[in-house]
Amino acid sequence: MPSRSEKFSKRKYQQNFFKFLLILVVIAVGGYKLLFNYAKNTASQNVNSSSSSVETVVTHQASKVDWQSPSEKKPYPDVNAYPNMWVKVSTSKHRVYLMNGNKVLYTMLCSTGSKGQETPKGTFEIQVERGDHFYNAQSGEGANYWVSFKDHGIYLFHTVPVDANGNYVVSEAEQLGKSSNSHGCVRLSVADAKWFYENIKTGTKVVVE
């Protein structure tokens, strides 16, 4: 017959054994939760990364320039309603602003002169020279709907460039509003240049910054 001390030792052993089992269960459950949370977080990160990539692609596609259309959805301003309208060119922002006093009436995407061929800065005015097409064999480029603002036919507002056959140079046109890549003139979208050619009056002030 087991002694009292033997019974006590056996009971203590059983208690310790059950404690050990309980600890194992707790560890197992905790490990499962950690593993589950890790898998959940990893999946979430992958989804977010994928969403971010898609968003980047969509944003990039959305930022693609429509160089044939008006820069804004709203109508062009009525020049007769704004007799003191003037033109501001921002070479750093690649924008042309049609101004009435300090108020911007309309914003156009543009590209100005590249490094070494910068568009001259200062205050000028629209000159009498303008035309619907030109081609410069020396530079291998031309443009449509041009309007002079300095040196009588040297520095112009005009469309994105065309080649010798009169076709628009798409690789250059797609840089409109993004970079300075002209020979010193101010490039505009086809629609903007056409409106500018048909509506902006001789003598209109032009400020290039």
N, C-alpha and C. Protein backbone atom coordinates (compact mmCIF):
# COMPACT_ATOMS: atom_id res chain seq x y z
N MET A 1 0.85 -1.19 0.00
CA MET A 1 0.00 0.00 0.00
C MET A 1 0.89 1.24 0.00
N PRO A 2 0.64 2.21 -0.95
CA PRO A 2 1.50 3.39 -1.05
C PRO A 2 1.40 4.25 0.21
N SER A 3 2.53 4.78 0.57
CA SER A 3 2.56 5.66 1.73
C SER A 3 1.96 7.02 1.37
N ARG A 4 1.74 7.84 2.43
CA ARG A 4 1.16 9.17 2.21
C ARG A 4 2.08 10.03 1.35
N SER A 5 3.38 9.91 1.56
CA SER A 5 4.33 10.72 0.79
C SER A 5 4.33 10.31 -0.67
N GLU A 6 4.16 9.01 -0.93
CA GLU A 6 4.12 8.53 -2.31
C GLU A 6 2.86 9.05 -3.02
N LYS A 7 1.71 9.03 -2.28
CA LYS A 7 0.47 9.56 -2.86
C LYS A 7 0.62 11.05 -3.18
N PHE A 8 1.26 11.76 -2.27
CA PHE A 8 1.45 13.21 -2.46
C PHE A 8 2.32 13.48 -3.69
N SER A 9 3.38 12.69 -3.83
CA SER A 9 4.30 12.85 -4.96
C SER A 9 3.59 12.54 -6.27
N LYS A 10 2.74 11.50 -6.24
CA LYS A 10 2.02 11.13 -7.46
C LYS A 10 1.04 12.22 -7.87
N ARG A 11 0.34 12.78 -6.84
CA ARG A 11 -0.63 13.84 -7.12
C ARG A 11 0.09 15.08 -7.67
N LYS A 12 1.23 15.39 -7.07
CA LYS A 12 2.00 16.55 -7.53
C LYS A 12 2.50 16.34 -8.95
N TYR A 13 2.90 15.10 -9.26
CA TYR A 13 3.37 14.77 -10.61
C TYR A 13 2.25 14.98 -11.62
N GLN A 14 1.02 14.50 -11.23
CA GLN A 14 -0.13 14.65 -12.13
C GLN A 14 -0.46 16.13 -12.35
N GLN A 15 -0.39 16.90 -11.25
CA GLN A 15 -0.67 18.33 -11.37
C GLN A 15 0.33 19.02 -12.30
N ASN A 16 1.60 18.69 -12.13
CA ASN A 16 2.64 19.27 -12.98
C ASN A 16 2.47 18.85 -14.44
N PHE A 17 2.06 17.59 -14.61
CA PHE A 17 1.86 17.08 -15.97
C PHE A 17 0.74 17.84 -16.68
N PHE A 18 -0.37 18.06 -15.93
CA PHE A 18 -1.49 18.80 -16.51
C PHE A 18 -1.12 20.26 -16.79
N LYS A 19 -0.31 20.84 -15.90
CA LYS A 19 0.17 22.20 -16.13
C LYS A 19 1.01 22.26 -17.40
N PHE A 20 1.85 21.23 -17.56
CA PHE A 20 2.71 21.16 -18.74
C PHE A 20 1.88 21.06 -20.02
N LEU A 21 0.82 20.19 -19.95
CA LEU A 21 -0.07 20.06 -21.11
C LEU A 21 -0.77 21.38 -21.42
N LEU A 22 -1.20 22.07 -20.34
CA LEU A 22 -1.88 23.35 -20.51
C LEU A 22 -0.97 24.39 -21.18
N ILE A 23 0.29 24.38 -20.74
CA ILE A 23 1.28 25.30 -21.33
C ILE A 23 1.47 25.00 -22.80
N LEU A 24 1.54 23.70 -23.13
CA LEU A 24 1.70 23.31 -24.54
C LEU A 24 0.51 23.77 -25.37
N VAL A 25 -0.70 23.64 -24.80
CA VAL A 25 -1.91 24.07 -25.51
C VAL A 25 -1.88 25.58 -25.75
N VAL A 26 -1.50 26.31 -24.69
CA VAL A 26 -1.43 27.78 -24.80
C VAL A 26 -0.41 28.18 -25.86
N ILE A 27 0.75 27.52 -25.84
CA ILE A 27 1.79 27.82 -26.83
C ILE A 27 1.30 27.52 -28.24
N ALA A 28 0.63 26.37 -28.37
CA ALA A 28 0.13 25.97 -29.69
C ALA A 28 -0.89 26.97 -30.22
N VAL A 29 -1.83 27.37 -29.33
CA VAL A 29 -2.86 28.33 -29.74
C VAL A 29 -2.23 29.68 -30.08
N GLY A 30 -1.29 30.12 -29.24
CA GLY A 30 -0.61 31.39 -29.49
C GLY A 30 0.17 31.36 -30.79
N GLY A 31 0.85 30.24 -31.03
CA GLY A 31 1.60 30.11 -32.28
C GLY A 31 0.69 30.14 -33.49
N TYR A 32 -0.46 29.50 -33.37
CA TYR A 32 -1.43 29.50 -34.48
C TYR A 32 -1.91 30.92 -34.76
N LYS A 33 -2.20 31.67 -33.67
CA LYS A 33 -2.66 33.05 -33.85
C LYS A 33 -1.58 33.91 -34.51
N LEU A 34 -0.34 33.72 -34.03
CA LEU A 34 0.76 34.48 -34.63
C LEU A 34 0.91 34.15 -36.11
N LEU A 35 0.83 32.84 -36.41
CA LEU A 35 0.96 32.41 -37.80
C LEU A 35 -0.19 32.95 -38.64
N PHE A 36 -1.41 32.93 -38.08
CA PHE A 36 -2.59 33.43 -38.78
C PHE A 36 -2.47 34.93 -39.06
N ASN A 37 -2.05 35.68 -38.01
CA ASN A 37 -1.89 37.13 -38.16
C ASN A 37 -0.80 37.47 -39.17
N TYR A 38 0.28 36.70 -39.15
CA TYR A 38 1.37 36.93 -40.10
C TYR A 38 0.90 36.71 -41.53
N ALA A 39 0.17 35.59 -41.72
CA ALA A 39 -0.35 35.30 -43.06
C ALA A 39 -1.33 36.38 -43.51
N LYS A 40 -2.18 36.83 -42.57
CA LYS A 40 -3.17 37.86 -42.88
C LYS A 40 -2.50 39.17 -43.27
N ASN A 41 -1.47 39.56 -42.48
CA ASN A 41 -0.76 40.81 -42.75
C ASN A 41 -0.01 40.75 -44.07
N THR A 42 0.60 39.59 -44.33
CA THR A 42 1.34 39.42 -45.58
C THR A 42 0.42 39.53 -46.77
N ALA A 43 -0.75 38.88 -46.66
CA ALA A 43 -1.73 38.94 -47.76
C ALA A 43 -2.21 40.37 -47.96
N SER A 44 -2.43 41.07 -46.83
CA SER A 44 -2.89 42.46 -46.92
C SER A 44 -1.86 43.35 -47.59
N GLN A 45 -0.57 43.12 -47.24
CA GLN A 45 0.50 43.90 -47.84
C GLN A 45 0.59 43.64 -49.33
N ASN A 46 0.42 42.36 -49.71
CA ASN A 46 0.47 42.01 -51.13
C ASN A 46 -0.66 42.68 -51.90
N VAL A 47 -1.86 42.68 -51.27
CA VAL A 47 -3.01 43.32 -51.92
C VAL A 47 -2.78 44.81 -52.06
N ASN A 48 -2.26 45.43 -50.96
CA ASN A 48 -1.99 46.87 -51.01
C ASN A 48 -0.94 47.21 -52.04
N SER A 49 0.10 46.34 -52.10
CA SER A 49 1.16 46.57 -53.08
C SER A 49 0.62 46.46 -54.49
N SER A 50 -0.25 45.44 -54.69
CA SER A 50 -0.85 45.26 -56.01
C SER A 50 -1.74 46.44 -56.36
N SER A 51 -2.54 46.90 -55.36
CA SER A 51 -3.42 48.04 -55.59
C SER A 51 -2.62 49.28 -55.91
N SER A 52 -1.49 49.43 -55.18
CA SER A 52 -0.64 50.60 -55.41
C SER A 52 -0.07 50.58 -56.82
N SER A 53 0.33 49.38 -57.27
CA SER A 53 0.88 49.26 -58.62
C SER A 53 -0.17 49.61 -59.66
N VAL A 54 -1.39 49.09 -59.43
CA VAL A 54 -2.48 49.37 -60.37
C VAL A 54 -2.78 50.86 -60.38
N GLU A 55 -2.80 51.46 -59.15
CA GLU A 55 -3.09 52.89 -59.04
C GLU A 55 -2.03 53.71 -59.77
N THR A 56 -0.75 53.28 -59.64
CA THR A 56 0.33 53.99 -60.31
C THR A 56 0.16 53.93 -61.81
N VAL A 57 -0.20 52.75 -62.32
CA VAL A 57 -0.39 52.59 -63.76
C VAL A 57 -1.55 53.45 -64.23
N VAL A 58 -2.66 53.40 -63.47
CA VAL A 58 -3.84 54.19 -63.84
C VAL A 58 -3.51 55.67 -63.84
N THR A 59 -2.79 56.11 -62.77
CA THR A 59 -2.41 57.52 -62.68
C THR A 59 -1.53 57.92 -63.86
N HIS A 60 -0.59 57.03 -64.20
CA HIS A 60 0.31 57.31 -65.32
C HIS A 60 -0.48 57.43 -66.61
N GLN A 61 -1.44 56.49 -66.80
CA GLN A 61 -2.24 56.54 -68.01
C GLN A 61 -3.11 57.78 -68.04
N ALA A 62 -3.64 58.14 -66.84
CA ALA A 62 -4.52 59.30 -66.77
C ALA A 62 -3.77 60.59 -67.08
N SER A 63 -2.44 60.60 -66.79
CA SER A 63 -1.66 61.81 -67.00
C SER A 63 -1.18 61.95 -68.44
N LYS A 64 -1.50 60.99 -69.29
CA LYS A 64 -1.09 61.06 -70.69
C LYS A 64 -1.74 62.27 -71.34
N VAL A 65 -0.93 63.06 -72.04
CA VAL A 65 -1.39 64.33 -72.58
C VAL A 65 -2.17 64.14 -73.88
N ASP A 66 -3.32 64.79 -73.94
CA ASP A 66 -4.08 64.84 -75.20
C ASP A 66 -3.64 66.11 -75.92
N TRP A 67 -2.60 66.00 -76.72
CA TRP A 67 -1.98 67.17 -77.33
C TRP A 67 -2.75 67.71 -78.55
N GLN A 68 -3.84 67.07 -78.88
CA GLN A 68 -4.65 67.56 -80.00
C GLN A 68 -5.85 68.38 -79.55
N SER A 69 -6.22 68.27 -78.28
CA SER A 69 -7.46 68.87 -77.78
C SER A 69 -7.19 70.11 -76.92
N PRO A 70 -8.25 70.85 -76.60
CA PRO A 70 -8.09 71.98 -75.67
C PRO A 70 -7.55 71.50 -74.33
N SER A 71 -6.77 72.34 -73.67
CA SER A 71 -6.17 71.95 -72.39
C SER A 71 -7.20 71.85 -71.28
N GLU A 72 -8.28 72.63 -71.37
CA GLU A 72 -9.33 72.57 -70.36
C GLU A 72 -10.65 72.16 -70.99
N LYS A 73 -11.53 71.64 -70.13
CA LYS A 73 -12.85 71.21 -70.60
C LYS A 73 -13.78 72.40 -70.84
N LYS A 74 -13.54 73.48 -70.12
CA LYS A 74 -14.42 74.64 -70.26
C LYS A 74 -14.12 75.40 -71.55
N PRO A 75 -15.05 76.24 -72.01
CA PRO A 75 -14.83 77.00 -73.25
C PRO A 75 -13.68 78.00 -73.10
N TYR A 76 -13.08 78.33 -74.23
CA TYR A 76 -12.08 79.40 -74.23
C TYR A 76 -12.76 80.73 -73.88
N PRO A 77 -12.03 81.66 -73.28
CA PRO A 77 -12.65 82.95 -72.94
C PRO A 77 -12.96 83.78 -74.18
N ASP A 78 -13.94 84.63 -74.05
CA ASP A 78 -14.31 85.56 -75.13
C ASP A 78 -13.37 86.76 -75.05
N VAL A 79 -12.48 86.88 -76.02
CA VAL A 79 -11.49 87.96 -75.97
C VAL A 79 -12.14 89.34 -76.02
N ASN A 80 -13.29 89.43 -76.63
CA ASN A 80 -13.98 90.73 -76.71
C ASN A 80 -14.56 91.16 -75.36
N ALA A 81 -14.80 90.17 -74.50
CA ALA A 81 -15.32 90.48 -73.17
C ALA A 81 -14.19 90.90 -72.22
N TYR A 82 -12.95 90.65 -72.64
CA TYR A 82 -11.79 90.99 -71.81
C TYR A 82 -10.79 91.78 -72.66
N PRO A 83 -11.06 93.06 -72.88
CA PRO A 83 -10.19 93.86 -73.76
C PRO A 83 -8.77 94.02 -73.24
N ASN A 84 -8.56 93.79 -71.95
CA ASN A 84 -7.22 93.92 -71.37
C ASN A 84 -6.57 92.56 -71.11
N MET A 85 -7.07 91.53 -71.76
CA MET A 85 -6.48 90.20 -71.59
C MET A 85 -5.00 90.22 -71.95
N TRP A 86 -4.21 89.51 -71.17
CA TRP A 86 -2.79 89.38 -71.49
C TRP A 86 -2.36 87.93 -71.29
N VAL A 87 -1.17 87.60 -71.76
CA VAL A 87 -0.70 86.21 -71.78
C VAL A 87 0.52 86.07 -70.88
N LYS A 88 0.46 85.11 -69.96
CA LYS A 88 1.62 84.81 -69.10
C LYS A 88 2.13 83.42 -69.42
N VAL A 89 3.43 83.31 -69.62
CA VAL A 89 4.06 82.01 -69.91
C VAL A 89 4.96 81.64 -68.73
N SER A 90 4.70 80.48 -68.13
CA SER A 90 5.57 79.98 -67.06
C SER A 90 6.45 78.88 -67.63
N THR A 91 7.75 79.17 -67.77
CA THR A 91 8.66 78.18 -68.34
C THR A 91 8.93 77.04 -67.36
N SER A 92 8.80 77.31 -66.07
CA SER A 92 9.06 76.27 -65.06
C SER A 92 7.87 75.33 -64.89
N LYS A 93 6.66 75.87 -65.03
CA LYS A 93 5.45 75.05 -64.86
C LYS A 93 4.93 74.49 -66.18
N HIS A 94 5.52 74.94 -67.29
CA HIS A 94 5.09 74.49 -68.62
C HIS A 94 3.61 74.80 -68.85
N ARG A 95 3.26 76.05 -68.56
CA ARG A 95 1.88 76.50 -68.70
C ARG A 95 1.82 77.88 -69.33
N VAL A 96 0.75 78.10 -70.09
CA VAL A 96 0.42 79.43 -70.61
C VAL A 96 -0.90 79.83 -69.97
N TYR A 97 -0.93 81.01 -69.39
CA TYR A 97 -2.13 81.49 -68.71
C TYR A 97 -2.72 82.68 -69.48
N LEU A 98 -3.99 82.61 -69.78
CA LEU A 98 -4.70 83.76 -70.34
C LEU A 98 -5.24 84.54 -69.15
N MET A 99 -4.79 85.78 -69.01
CA MET A 99 -5.03 86.55 -67.80
C MET A 99 -5.96 87.74 -68.04
N ASN A 100 -6.73 88.06 -67.01
CA ASN A 100 -7.48 89.32 -66.97
C ASN A 100 -7.12 89.97 -65.64
N GLY A 101 -6.22 90.95 -65.67
CA GLY A 101 -5.67 91.46 -64.42
C GLY A 101 -4.85 90.36 -63.76
N ASN A 102 -5.19 90.03 -62.51
CA ASN A 102 -4.51 88.95 -61.80
C ASN A 102 -5.29 87.64 -61.82
N LYS A 103 -6.39 87.63 -62.55
CA LYS A 103 -7.25 86.45 -62.60
C LYS A 103 -6.91 85.59 -63.81
N VAL A 104 -6.75 84.29 -63.57
CA VAL A 104 -6.50 83.34 -64.66
C VAL A 104 -7.84 82.97 -65.30
N LEU A 105 -7.96 83.24 -66.59
CA LEU A 105 -9.18 82.90 -67.32
C LEU A 105 -9.12 81.49 -67.90
N TYR A 106 -7.92 81.11 -68.32
CA TYR A 106 -7.78 79.81 -68.98
C TYR A 106 -6.31 79.40 -68.88
N THR A 107 -6.07 78.11 -68.71
CA THR A 107 -4.71 77.58 -68.61
C THR A 107 -4.45 76.59 -69.73
N MET A 108 -3.33 76.78 -70.42
CA MET A 108 -2.93 75.90 -71.52
C MET A 108 -1.63 75.18 -71.18
N LEU A 109 -1.55 73.92 -71.57
CA LEU A 109 -0.29 73.20 -71.47
C LEU A 109 0.66 73.74 -72.52
N CYS A 110 1.94 73.78 -72.20
CA CYS A 110 2.91 74.24 -73.19
C CYS A 110 4.26 73.57 -72.97
N SER A 111 5.13 73.74 -73.93
CA SER A 111 6.54 73.38 -73.81
C SER A 111 7.34 74.56 -74.33
N THR A 112 8.37 74.94 -73.59
CA THR A 112 9.20 76.08 -73.99
C THR A 112 10.61 75.60 -74.34
N GLY A 113 11.54 76.54 -74.51
CA GLY A 113 12.87 76.21 -75.01
C GLY A 113 13.69 75.32 -74.09
N SER A 114 14.40 74.39 -74.70
CA SER A 114 15.27 73.48 -73.96
C SER A 114 16.56 74.20 -73.55
N LYS A 115 17.38 73.53 -72.76
CA LYS A 115 18.62 74.13 -72.27
C LYS A 115 19.52 74.52 -73.44
N GLY A 116 19.97 75.76 -73.41
CA GLY A 116 20.79 76.28 -74.50
C GLY A 116 19.98 76.95 -75.59
N GLN A 117 18.67 76.70 -75.57
CA GLN A 117 17.76 77.32 -76.54
C GLN A 117 16.54 77.87 -75.81
N GLU A 118 16.80 78.45 -74.64
CA GLU A 118 15.71 78.89 -73.77
C GLU A 118 14.82 79.94 -74.42
N THR A 119 13.55 79.88 -74.08
CA THR A 119 12.61 80.92 -74.49
C THR A 119 12.99 82.21 -73.76
N PRO A 120 13.16 83.32 -74.48
CA PRO A 120 13.56 84.57 -73.81
C PRO A 120 12.52 85.02 -72.79
N LYS A 121 13.01 85.47 -71.64
CA LYS A 121 12.11 85.94 -70.59
C LYS A 121 12.00 87.47 -70.64
N GLY A 122 10.86 87.95 -70.23
CA GLY A 122 10.63 89.39 -70.25
C GLY A 122 9.21 89.72 -70.67
N THR A 123 8.99 90.99 -70.98
CA THR A 123 7.67 91.45 -71.40
C THR A 123 7.71 91.79 -72.89
N PHE A 124 6.80 91.19 -73.63
CA PHE A 124 6.74 91.37 -75.09
C PHE A 124 5.29 91.66 -75.48
N GLU A 125 5.02 91.63 -76.78
CA GLU A 125 3.64 91.74 -77.24
C GLU A 125 3.46 90.95 -78.53
N ILE A 126 2.23 90.55 -78.77
CA ILE A 126 1.93 89.80 -79.98
C ILE A 126 2.18 90.70 -81.19
N GLN A 127 2.96 90.18 -82.14
CA GLN A 127 3.33 90.96 -83.32
C GLN A 127 2.42 90.62 -84.50
N VAL A 128 2.60 91.35 -85.58
CA VAL A 128 1.67 91.20 -86.71
C VAL A 128 1.85 89.88 -87.46
N GLU A 129 3.04 89.30 -87.36
CA GLU A 129 3.31 88.08 -88.13
C GLU A 129 2.58 86.87 -87.53
N ARG A 130 1.87 86.16 -88.39
CA ARG A 130 1.22 84.91 -88.00
C ARG A 130 0.89 84.12 -89.26
N GLY A 131 0.69 82.82 -89.12
CA GLY A 131 0.39 81.99 -90.28
C GLY A 131 -0.13 80.63 -89.87
N ASP A 132 -0.61 79.87 -90.87
CA ASP A 132 -1.20 78.57 -90.53
C ASP A 132 -0.21 77.41 -90.62
N HIS A 133 1.00 77.66 -91.20
CA HIS A 133 1.98 76.57 -91.28
C HIS A 133 3.37 77.13 -91.60
N PHE A 134 4.39 76.46 -91.08
CA PHE A 134 5.77 76.74 -91.50
C PHE A 134 6.58 75.46 -91.33
N TYR A 135 7.70 75.39 -92.04
CA TYR A 135 8.63 74.27 -91.88
C TYR A 135 10.05 74.80 -91.98
N ASN A 136 10.89 74.42 -91.02
CA ASN A 136 12.28 74.83 -90.99
C ASN A 136 13.16 73.64 -91.34
N ALA A 137 13.71 73.65 -92.55
CA ALA A 137 14.52 72.52 -93.02
C ALA A 137 15.78 72.34 -92.18
N GLN A 138 16.29 73.43 -91.64
CA GLN A 138 17.53 73.37 -90.85
C GLN A 138 17.32 72.56 -89.56
N SER A 139 16.20 72.80 -88.89
CA SER A 139 15.92 72.07 -87.65
C SER A 139 15.17 70.77 -87.92
N GLY A 140 14.62 70.64 -89.13
CA GLY A 140 13.88 69.43 -89.47
C GLY A 140 12.50 69.38 -88.83
N GLU A 141 12.01 70.54 -88.43
CA GLU A 141 10.69 70.61 -87.79
C GLU A 141 9.92 71.83 -88.28
N GLY A 142 8.63 71.73 -88.21
CA GLY A 142 7.75 72.86 -88.50
C GLY A 142 6.61 72.84 -87.50
N ALA A 143 5.57 73.62 -87.79
CA ALA A 143 4.41 73.65 -86.90
C ALA A 143 3.26 74.33 -87.62
N ASN A 144 2.10 74.26 -87.01
CA ASN A 144 0.90 74.92 -87.55
C ASN A 144 0.44 76.02 -86.60
N TYR A 145 -0.36 76.93 -87.14
CA TYR A 145 -1.00 78.00 -86.36
C TYR A 145 0.01 78.76 -85.50
N TRP A 146 0.91 79.46 -86.17
CA TRP A 146 1.95 80.18 -85.44
C TRP A 146 1.64 81.67 -85.32
N VAL A 147 2.08 82.24 -84.20
CA VAL A 147 1.89 83.66 -83.90
C VAL A 147 3.19 84.18 -83.29
N SER A 148 3.72 85.26 -83.84
CA SER A 148 5.00 85.80 -83.36
C SER A 148 4.81 86.70 -82.14
N PHE A 149 5.77 86.59 -81.19
CA PHE A 149 5.74 87.50 -80.04
C PHE A 149 7.09 88.19 -79.83
N LYS A 150 8.12 87.81 -80.61
CA LYS A 150 9.43 88.47 -80.48
C LYS A 150 10.24 88.27 -81.76
N ASP A 151 10.93 89.33 -82.15
CA ASP A 151 11.84 89.31 -83.30
C ASP A 151 11.15 88.97 -84.62
N HIS A 152 9.88 89.28 -84.71
CA HIS A 152 9.13 89.22 -85.97
C HIS A 152 9.31 87.91 -86.74
N GLY A 153 8.80 86.86 -86.15
CA GLY A 153 8.81 85.56 -86.82
C GLY A 153 9.86 84.60 -86.29
N ILE A 154 10.61 85.00 -85.27
CA ILE A 154 11.64 84.12 -84.70
C ILE A 154 11.09 83.36 -83.50
N TYR A 155 10.52 84.08 -82.56
CA TYR A 155 9.94 83.44 -81.37
C TYR A 155 8.43 83.45 -81.49
N LEU A 156 7.86 82.25 -81.44
CA LEU A 156 6.46 82.06 -81.78
C LEU A 156 5.69 81.25 -80.75
N PHE A 157 4.38 81.41 -80.77
CA PHE A 157 3.45 80.43 -80.21
C PHE A 157 3.02 79.57 -81.39
N HIS A 158 2.99 78.27 -81.23
CA HIS A 158 2.53 77.40 -82.33
C HIS A 158 2.18 76.01 -81.79
N THR A 159 1.73 75.15 -82.68
CA THR A 159 1.37 73.78 -82.28
C THR A 159 2.62 72.98 -81.90
N VAL A 160 2.37 71.79 -81.40
CA VAL A 160 3.46 70.82 -81.26
C VAL A 160 4.03 70.58 -82.66
N PRO A 161 5.29 70.14 -82.78
CA PRO A 161 5.97 70.14 -84.08
C PRO A 161 5.43 69.12 -85.09
N VAL A 162 5.66 69.46 -86.35
CA VAL A 162 5.35 68.55 -87.46
C VAL A 162 6.63 68.24 -88.22
N ASP A 163 6.63 67.12 -88.95
CA ASP A 163 7.80 66.77 -89.75
C ASP A 163 7.66 67.34 -91.16
N ALA A 164 8.56 66.95 -92.05
CA ALA A 164 8.58 67.50 -93.41
C ALA A 164 7.31 67.17 -94.18
N ASN A 165 6.63 66.11 -93.78
CA ASN A 165 5.39 65.72 -94.46
C ASN A 165 4.14 66.31 -93.81
N GLY A 166 4.35 67.12 -92.79
CA GLY A 166 3.22 67.75 -92.12
C GLY A 166 2.58 66.90 -91.05
N ASN A 167 3.22 65.77 -90.72
CA ASN A 167 2.69 64.89 -89.66
C ASN A 167 3.22 65.33 -88.30
N TYR A 168 2.36 65.31 -87.32
CA TYR A 168 2.80 65.70 -85.98
C TYR A 168 3.80 64.68 -85.43
N VAL A 169 4.83 65.19 -84.78
CA VAL A 169 5.87 64.34 -84.18
C VAL A 169 5.37 63.93 -82.80
N VAL A 170 4.82 62.73 -82.71
CA VAL A 170 4.13 62.28 -81.50
C VAL A 170 5.06 62.25 -80.28
N SER A 171 6.29 61.78 -80.46
CA SER A 171 7.21 61.69 -79.32
C SER A 171 7.47 63.06 -78.70
N GLU A 172 7.49 64.09 -79.52
CA GLU A 172 7.66 65.46 -79.01
C GLU A 172 6.35 65.98 -78.43
N ALA A 173 5.26 65.69 -79.12
CA ALA A 173 3.95 66.18 -78.68
C ALA A 173 3.58 65.65 -77.30
N GLU A 174 3.97 64.42 -77.00
CA GLU A 174 3.61 63.81 -75.72
C GLU A 174 4.36 64.44 -74.54
N GLN A 175 5.33 65.28 -74.81
CA GLN A 175 6.05 65.99 -73.74
C GLN A 175 5.40 67.32 -73.39
N LEU A 176 4.32 67.64 -74.08
CA LEU A 176 3.63 68.91 -73.84
C LEU A 176 3.19 69.02 -72.39
N GLY A 177 3.53 70.14 -71.77
CA GLY A 177 3.15 70.36 -70.37
C GLY A 177 4.02 69.65 -69.37
N LYS A 178 5.05 68.93 -69.86
CA LYS A 178 5.90 68.13 -68.97
C LYS A 178 7.36 68.58 -68.98
N SER A 179 7.84 69.03 -70.13
CA SER A 179 9.26 69.36 -70.22
C SER A 179 9.49 70.51 -71.20
N SER A 180 10.69 71.07 -71.12
CA SER A 180 11.09 72.14 -72.04
C SER A 180 11.90 71.50 -73.16
N ASN A 181 11.31 71.39 -74.33
CA ASN A 181 12.00 70.68 -75.42
C ASN A 181 11.85 71.35 -76.78
N SER A 182 11.53 72.65 -76.79
CA SER A 182 11.42 73.35 -78.07
C SER A 182 12.74 74.04 -78.39
N HIS A 183 12.78 74.70 -79.54
CA HIS A 183 13.98 75.45 -79.95
C HIS A 183 13.90 76.91 -79.49
N GLY A 184 12.97 77.20 -78.59
CA GLY A 184 12.82 78.55 -78.06
C GLY A 184 11.41 79.09 -78.18
N CYS A 185 10.61 78.46 -79.06
CA CYS A 185 9.22 78.88 -79.20
C CYS A 185 8.36 78.27 -78.10
N VAL A 186 7.11 78.68 -78.06
CA VAL A 186 6.16 78.15 -77.07
C VAL A 186 5.20 77.22 -77.79
N ARG A 187 5.32 75.93 -77.52
CA ARG A 187 4.46 74.94 -78.15
C ARG A 187 3.15 74.80 -77.39
N LEU A 188 2.07 74.65 -78.13
CA LEU A 188 0.74 74.46 -77.56
C LEU A 188 0.08 73.24 -78.19
N SER A 189 -1.01 72.79 -77.59
CA SER A 189 -1.77 71.71 -78.22
C SER A 189 -2.34 72.23 -79.54
N VAL A 190 -2.74 71.32 -80.40
CA VAL A 190 -3.25 71.72 -81.72
C VAL A 190 -4.46 72.65 -81.57
N ALA A 191 -5.40 72.25 -80.72
CA ALA A 191 -6.62 73.06 -80.53
C ALA A 191 -6.30 74.41 -79.90
N ASP A 192 -5.42 74.42 -78.89
CA ASP A 192 -5.06 75.68 -78.23
C ASP A 192 -4.36 76.63 -79.20
N ALA A 193 -3.44 76.09 -79.99
CA ALA A 193 -2.70 76.93 -80.94
C ALA A 193 -3.64 77.51 -82.00
N LYS A 194 -4.58 76.70 -82.45
CA LYS A 194 -5.54 77.18 -83.46
C LYS A 194 -6.39 78.32 -82.90
N TRP A 195 -6.86 78.13 -81.66
CA TRP A 195 -7.66 79.19 -81.02
C TRP A 195 -6.80 80.43 -80.83
N PHE A 196 -5.57 80.26 -80.37
CA PHE A 196 -4.65 81.37 -80.13
C PHE A 196 -4.43 82.15 -81.43
N TYR A 197 -4.18 81.42 -82.50
CA TYR A 197 -3.93 82.01 -83.82
C TYR A 197 -5.15 82.80 -84.31
N GLU A 198 -6.34 82.29 -84.04
CA GLU A 198 -7.56 82.91 -84.55
C GLU A 198 -8.10 84.03 -83.66
N ASN A 199 -7.68 84.07 -82.39
CA ASN A 199 -8.33 84.98 -81.45
C ASN A 199 -7.43 86.00 -80.75
N ILE A 200 -6.20 85.64 -80.45
CA ILE A 200 -5.35 86.58 -79.70
C ILE A 200 -4.91 87.71 -80.63
N LYS A 201 -5.17 88.93 -80.19
CA LYS A 201 -4.99 90.09 -81.06
C LYS A 201 -3.55 90.62 -81.05
N THR A 202 -3.17 91.21 -82.16
CA THR A 202 -1.88 91.89 -82.25
C THR A 202 -1.82 92.99 -81.19
N GLY A 203 -0.69 93.08 -80.51
CA GLY A 203 -0.53 94.08 -79.45
C GLY A 203 -0.81 93.54 -78.06
N THR A 204 -1.34 92.32 -77.97
CA THR A 204 -1.61 91.72 -76.65
C THR A 204 -0.30 91.52 -75.89
N LYS A 205 -0.29 91.92 -74.63
CA LYS A 205 0.93 91.79 -73.82
C LYS A 205 1.24 90.33 -73.52
N VAL A 206 2.53 90.01 -73.60
CA VAL A 206 3.01 88.66 -73.29
C VAL A 206 4.13 88.78 -72.26
N VAL A 207 4.00 88.07 -71.15
CA VAL A 207 5.04 88.05 -70.12
C VAL A 207 5.55 86.62 -70.00
N VAL A 208 6.85 86.45 -70.21
CA VAL A 208 7.48 85.13 -70.09
C VAL A 208 8.32 85.12 -68.82
N GLU A 209 8.03 84.17 -67.94
CA GLU A 209 8.75 84.08 -66.66
C GLU A 209 9.54 82.78 -66.57
